Amino acid sequence: MLHMTAHAADSRSPEDTAALAARLAAVCPPGMTVHLHGDLGAGKSTFARAFLQALGVRGAIKSPTYTLIETYALSDGLDAVHMDLYRIADPDEVDYLSLDDYDGRSRVMLVEWPERGEGHIPPADLRIDLAGEGDVRRIRIDARTADGAAWLAASGLNAA
């Protein structure tokens, strides 16, 4: 497994986090999976919402906290999938989400709390860790696949 830290930065506001998400979304190739790690309140949902908006999702972006999964049709005919696995008790529960239905149809799958679905969700092309330190969030992005590394290179985010 490729493990390359591609970017590490401090976010001093939700706008900083949104700008980073938009930069990645602008060059997101089809079929990518992003695992978002961090404690409650670390900024995972802020990142996901900004990413989806940058892909062109308009209107309300619902948190999948209770539904577990929300899907958004994009103008290119592909889907953006946002999952929040915080409320699942057993990774086997992910099987009921029919993730195979998205094979070849998704531009991106954003997964909050991916460790709760380990072994039942697609592996990450990018792993994004968000950690709160006072008013500052530390964001670290690691490429986990060659496709993830190429995506980061296309975004202009250099190794840190």
C-alpha atoms as a PDB file:
ATOM      1  CA  MET A   1       0.000   0.000   0.000  1.00  0.00           C
ATOM      2  CA  LEU A   2       1.298   3.394  -0.976  1.00  0.00           C
ATOM      3  CA  HIS A   3       1.580   5.707   2.005  1.00  0.00           C
ATOM      4  CA  MET A   4       2.813   9.146   1.159  1.00  0.00           C
ATOM      5  CA  THR A   5       2.046  12.272   3.110  1.00  0.00           C
ATOM      6  CA  ALA A   6       1.117  14.721   0.444  1.00  0.00           C
ATOM      7  CA  HIS A   7      -0.037  17.664   2.448  1.00  0.00           C
ATOM      8  CA  ALA A   8      -0.256  18.870   6.011  1.00  0.00           C
ATOM      9  CA  ALA A   9      -1.648  22.253   6.943  1.00  0.00           C
ATOM     10  CA  ASP A  10      -3.373  24.226   9.647  1.00  0.00           C
ATOM     11  CA  SER A  11      -6.936  25.383   9.074  1.00  0.00           C
ATOM     12  CA  ARG A  12      -7.789  28.450  11.104  1.00  0.00           C
ATOM     13  CA  SER A  13     -11.446  28.579  10.020  1.00  0.00           C
ATOM     14  CA  PRO A  14     -14.182  26.581   8.281  1.00  0.00           C
ATOM     15  CA  GLU A  15     -13.374  28.709   5.198  1.00  0.00           C
ATOM     16  CA  ASP A  16      -9.766  27.416   5.205  1.00  0.00           C
ATOM     17  CA  THR A  17     -11.060  23.842   5.385  1.00  0.00           C
ATOM     18  CA  ALA A  18     -13.545  24.548   2.573  1.00  0.00           C
ATOM     19  CA  ALA A  19     -10.813  26.026   0.369  1.00  0.00           C
ATOM     20  CA  LEU A  20      -8.690  22.892   0.737  1.00  0.00           C
ATOM     21  CA  ALA A  21     -11.692  20.669  -0.041  1.00  0.00           C
ATOM     22  CA  ALA A  22     -12.536  22.755  -3.120  1.00  0.00           C
ATOM     23  CA  ARG A  23      -8.964  22.497  -4.378  1.00  0.00           C
ATOM     24  CA  LEU A  24      -9.138  18.697  -4.252  1.00  0.00           C
ATOM     25  CA  ALA A  25     -12.646  18.563  -5.709  1.00  0.00           C
ATOM     26  CA  ALA A  26     -11.624  20.695  -8.695  1.00  0.00           C
ATOM     27  CA  VAL A  27      -9.396  17.903 -10.015  1.00  0.00           C
ATOM     28  CA  CYS A  28     -11.154  14.827  -8.590  1.00  0.00           C
ATOM     29  CA  PRO A  29     -10.978  11.973 -11.108  1.00  0.00           C
ATOM     30  CA  PRO A  30     -13.806   9.411 -11.320  1.00  0.00           C
ATOM     31  CA  GLY A  31     -13.955   6.513  -8.885  1.00  0.00           C
ATOM     32  CA  MET A  32     -12.067   7.993  -5.933  1.00  0.00           C
ATOM     33  CA  THR A  33     -12.638   7.071  -2.290  1.00  0.00           C
ATOM     34  CA  VAL A  34     -11.753   9.452   0.540  1.00  0.00           C
ATOM     35  CA  HIS A  35     -11.681   8.349   4.178  1.00  0.00           C
ATOM     36  CA  LEU A  36     -12.204  11.212   6.620  1.00  0.00           C
ATOM     37  CA  HIS A  37     -10.784  10.599  10.099  1.00  0.00           C
ATOM     38  CA  GLY A  38     -11.112  12.737  13.206  1.00  0.00           C
ATOM     39  CA  ASP A  39     -12.945  13.166  16.474  1.00  0.00           C
ATOM     40  CA  LEU A  40     -16.422  14.644  16.750  1.00  0.00           C
ATOM     41  CA  GLY A  41     -16.260  18.302  15.770  1.00  0.00           C
ATOM     42  CA  ALA A  42     -12.917  18.003  13.971  1.00  0.00           C
ATOM     43  CA  GLY A  43     -14.320  19.280  10.666  1.00  0.00           C
ATOM     44  CA  LYS A  44     -15.094  16.119   8.673  1.00  0.00           C
ATOM     45  CA  SER A  45     -18.606  17.246   7.735  1.00  0.00           C
ATOM     46  CA  THR A  46     -17.388  20.762   6.919  1.00  0.00           C
ATOM     47  CA  PHE A  47     -14.806  19.268   4.580  1.00  0.00           C
ATOM     48  CA  ALA A  48     -17.336  16.891   2.952  1.00  0.00           C
ATOM     49  CA  ARG A  49     -19.973  19.622   2.463  1.00  0.00           C
ATOM     50  CA  ALA A  50     -17.437  21.986   0.856  1.00  0.00           C
ATOM     51  CA  PHE A  51     -16.105  19.196  -1.357  1.00  0.00           C
ATOM     52  CA  LEU A  52     -19.612  18.354  -2.584  1.00  0.00           C
ATOM     53  CA  GLN A  53     -20.431  22.015  -3.227  1.00  0.00           C
ATOM     54  CA  ALA A  54     -17.222  22.376  -5.234  1.00  0.00           C
ATOM     55  CA  LEU A  55     -18.284  19.388  -7.349  1.00  0.00           C
ATOM     56  CA  GLY A  56     -21.440  21.316  -8.216  1.00  0.00           C
ATOM     57  CA  VAL A  57     -23.973  19.956  -5.726  1.00  0.00           C
ATOM     58  CA  ARG A  58     -26.601  22.656  -5.250  1.00  0.00           C
ATOM     59  CA  GLY A  59     -29.206  23.027  -2.561  1.00  0.00           C
ATOM     60  CA  ALA A  60     -29.164  21.408   0.840  1.00  0.00           C
ATOM     61  CA  ILE A  61     -26.438  18.893   1.535  1.00  0.00           C
ATOM     62  CA  LYS A  62     -27.915  16.605   4.138  1.00  0.00           C
ATOM     63  CA  SER A  63     -25.720  15.035   6.765  1.00  0.00           C
ATOM     64  CA  PRO A  64     -25.884  11.241   6.477  1.00  0.00           C
ATOM     65  CA  THR A  65     -25.616  10.876  10.257  1.00  0.00           C
ATOM     66  CA  TYR A  66     -28.945   9.034  10.487  1.00  0.00           C
ATOM     67  CA  THR A  67     -29.413   7.790   6.903  1.00  0.00           C
ATOM     68  CA  LEU A  68     -25.760   6.564   6.753  1.00  0.00           C
ATOM     69  CA  ILE A  69     -25.537   7.414   3.048  1.00  0.00           C
ATOM     70  CA  GLU A  70     -26.559  10.305   0.792  1.00  0.00           C
ATOM     71  CA  THR A  71     -26.066  10.347  -2.953  1.00  0.00           C
ATOM     72  CA  TYR A  72     -25.885  13.404  -5.213  1.00  0.00           C
ATOM     73  CA  ALA A  73     -26.171  13.333  -9.024  1.00  0.00           C
ATOM     74  CA  LEU A  74     -23.455  15.421 -10.674  1.00  0.00           C
ATOM     75  CA  SER A  75     -23.648  17.225 -14.009  1.00  0.00           C
ATOM     76  CA  ASP A  76     -21.180  14.766 -15.578  1.00  0.00           C
ATOM     77  CA  GLY A  77     -23.620  11.880 -15.021  1.00  0.00           C
ATOM     78  CA  LEU A  78     -21.675  10.420 -12.112  1.00  0.00           C
ATOM     79  CA  ASP A  79     -22.663  10.389  -8.447  1.00  0.00           C
ATOM     80  CA  ALA A  80     -21.034  11.808  -5.365  1.00  0.00           C
ATOM     81  CA  VAL A  81     -21.592   9.529  -2.365  1.00  0.00           C
ATOM     82  CA  HIS A  82     -21.302  10.758   1.226  1.00  0.00           C
ATOM     83  CA  MET A  83     -21.352   8.224   4.054  1.00  0.00           C
ATOM     84  CA  ASP A  84     -21.243   8.719   7.810  1.00  0.00           C
ATOM     85  CA  LEU A  85     -20.700   5.434   9.649  1.00  0.00           C
ATOM     86  CA  TYR A  86     -20.651   6.877  13.174  1.00  0.00           C
ATOM     87  CA  ARG A  87     -23.917   5.213  14.183  1.00  0.00           C
ATOM     88  CA  ILE A  88     -23.246   1.678  12.963  1.00  0.00           C
ATOM     89  CA  ALA A  89     -22.576  -0.896  15.648  1.00  0.00           C
ATOM     90  CA  ASP A  90     -21.009  -3.610  13.483  1.00  0.00           C
ATOM     91  CA  PRO A  91     -19.067  -3.334  10.194  1.00  0.00           C
ATOM     92  CA  ASP A  92     -21.363  -6.000   8.676  1.00  0.00           C
ATOM     93  CA  GLU A  93     -24.166  -3.385   8.701  1.00  0.00           C
ATOM     94  CA  VAL A  94     -22.404  -1.635   5.797  1.00  0.00           C
ATOM     95  CA  ASP A  95     -23.369  -4.556   3.551  1.00  0.00           C
ATOM     96  CA  TYR A  96     -26.985  -3.327   3.665  1.00  0.00           C
ATOM     97  CA  LEU A  97     -25.959  -0.079   1.932  1.00  0.00           C
ATOM     98  CA  SER A  98     -25.429  -1.892  -1.427  1.00  0.00           C
ATOM     99  CA  LEU A  99     -22.178  -0.095  -2.178  1.00  0.00           C
ATOM    100  CA  ASP A 100     -21.631  -2.322  -5.227  1.00  0.00           C
ATOM    101  CA  ASP A 101     -24.394  -0.319  -6.915  1.00  0.00           C
ATOM    102  CA  TYR A 102     -21.963   2.611  -7.157  1.00  0.00           C
ATOM    103  CA  ASP A 103     -19.161   0.735  -8.951  1.00  0.00           C
ATOM    104  CA  GLY A 104     -18.333   2.720 -12.074  1.00  0.00           C
ATOM    105  CA  ARG A 105     -21.016   5.315 -11.292  1.00  0.00           C
ATOM    106  CA  SER A 106     -19.328   7.469  -8.685  1.00  0.00           C
ATOM    107  CA  ARG A 107     -16.900  10.319  -9.036  1.00  0.00           C
ATOM    108  CA  VAL A 108     -16.148  10.189  -5.323  1.00  0.00           C
ATOM    109  CA  MET A 109     -17.148   8.359  -2.171  1.00  0.00           C
ATOM    110  CA  LEU A 110     -16.544  10.427   0.978  1.00  0.00           C
ATOM    111  CA  VAL A 111     -16.603   8.279   4.123  1.00  0.00           C
ATOM    112  CA  GLU A 112     -16.743   9.725   7.633  1.00  0.00           C
ATOM    113  CA  TRP A 113     -15.806   7.299  10.432  1.00  0.00           C
ATOM    114  CA  PRO A 114     -14.455   4.705   7.944  1.00  0.00           C
ATOM    115  CA  GLU A 115     -12.882   2.640  10.727  1.00  0.00           C
ATOM    116  CA  ARG A 116     -16.414   1.560  11.723  1.00  0.00           C
ATOM    117  CA  GLY A 117     -16.936  -0.068   8.325  1.00  0.00           C
ATOM    118  CA  GLU A 118     -13.462  -1.533   7.947  1.00  0.00           C
ATOM    119  CA  GLY A 119     -13.380  -4.455   5.537  1.00  0.00           C
ATOM    120  CA  HIS A 120     -16.783  -3.530   4.104  1.00  0.00           C
ATOM    121  CA  ILE A 121     -16.026  -0.246   2.349  1.00  0.00           C
ATOM    122  CA  PRO A 122     -13.711   0.535  -0.554  1.00  0.00           C
ATOM    123  CA  PRO A 123     -10.107   1.235   0.420  1.00  0.00           C
ATOM    124  CA  ALA A 124      -9.052   4.877   0.522  1.00  0.00           C
ATOM    125  CA  ASP A 125      -7.334   6.604  -2.361  1.00  0.00           C
ATOM    126  CA  LEU A 126      -6.869   9.489   0.065  1.00  0.00           C
ATOM    127  CA  ARG A 127      -6.915   9.419   3.843  1.00  0.00           C
ATOM    128  CA  ILE A 128      -7.638  12.791   5.394  1.00  0.00           C
ATOM    129  CA  ASP A 129      -7.060  13.265   9.114  1.00  0.00           C
ATOM    130  CA  LEU A 130      -8.542  16.295  10.833  1.00  0.00           C
ATOM    131  CA  ALA A 131      -7.543  17.085  14.395  1.00  0.00           C
ATOM    132  CA  GLY A 132      -8.671  20.002  16.502  1.00  0.00           C
ATOM    133  CA  GLU A 133      -6.100  21.947  18.422  1.00  0.00           C
ATOM    134  CA  GLY A 134      -7.913  24.868  20.042  1.00  0.00           C
ATOM    135  CA  ASP A 135      -9.328  27.039  17.270  1.00  0.00           C
ATOM    136  CA  VAL A 136      -6.922  25.494  14.770  1.00  0.00           C
ATOM    137  CA  ARG A 137      -7.515  22.266  12.856  1.00  0.00           C
ATOM    138  CA  ARG A 138      -4.546  20.243  11.644  1.00  0.00           C
ATOM    139  CA  ILE A 139      -5.331  18.602   8.309  1.00  0.00           C
ATOM    140  CA  ARG A 140      -3.117  15.848   6.988  1.00  0.00           C
ATOM    141  CA  ILE A 141      -3.674  14.171   3.625  1.00  0.00           C
ATOM    142  CA  ASP A 142      -2.084  10.843   2.776  1.00  0.00           C
ATOM    143  CA  ALA A 143      -2.247   9.190  -0.634  1.00  0.00           C
ATOM    144  CA  ARG A 144      -3.011   5.491  -0.250  1.00  0.00           C
ATOM    145  CA  THR A 145      -2.997   4.479  -3.923  1.00  0.00           C
ATOM    146  CA  ALA A 146      -1.180   5.505  -7.074  1.00  0.00           C
ATOM    147  CA  ASP A 147      -4.439   7.102  -8.272  1.00  0.00           C
ATOM    148  CA  GLY A 148      -4.616   9.064  -5.019  1.00  0.00           C
ATOM    149  CA  ALA A 149      -1.023  10.262  -5.472  1.00  0.00           C
ATOM    150  CA  ALA A 150      -1.782  11.357  -9.037  1.00  0.00           C
ATOM    151  CA  TRP A 151      -4.885  13.198  -7.822  1.00  0.00           C
ATOM    152  CA  LEU A 152      -2.861  15.073  -5.204  1.00  0.00           C
ATOM    153  CA  ALA A 153      -0.201  15.954  -7.743  1.00  0.00           C
ATOM    154  CA  ALA A 154      -2.921  17.339 -10.036  1.00  0.00           C
ATOM    155  CA  SER A 155      -4.245  19.462  -7.150  1.00  0.00           C
ATOM    156  CA  GLY A 156      -0.858  21.102  -6.696  1.00  0.00           C
ATOM    157  CA  LEU A 157      -0.668  20.034  -3.073  1.00  0.00           C
ATOM    158  CA  ASN A 158       2.960  19.131  -2.585  1.00  0.00           C
ATOM    159  CA  ALA A 159       4.490  16.736  -0.092  1.00  0.00           C
ATOM    160  CA  ALA A 160       4.894  18.336   3.276  1.00  0.00           C
END
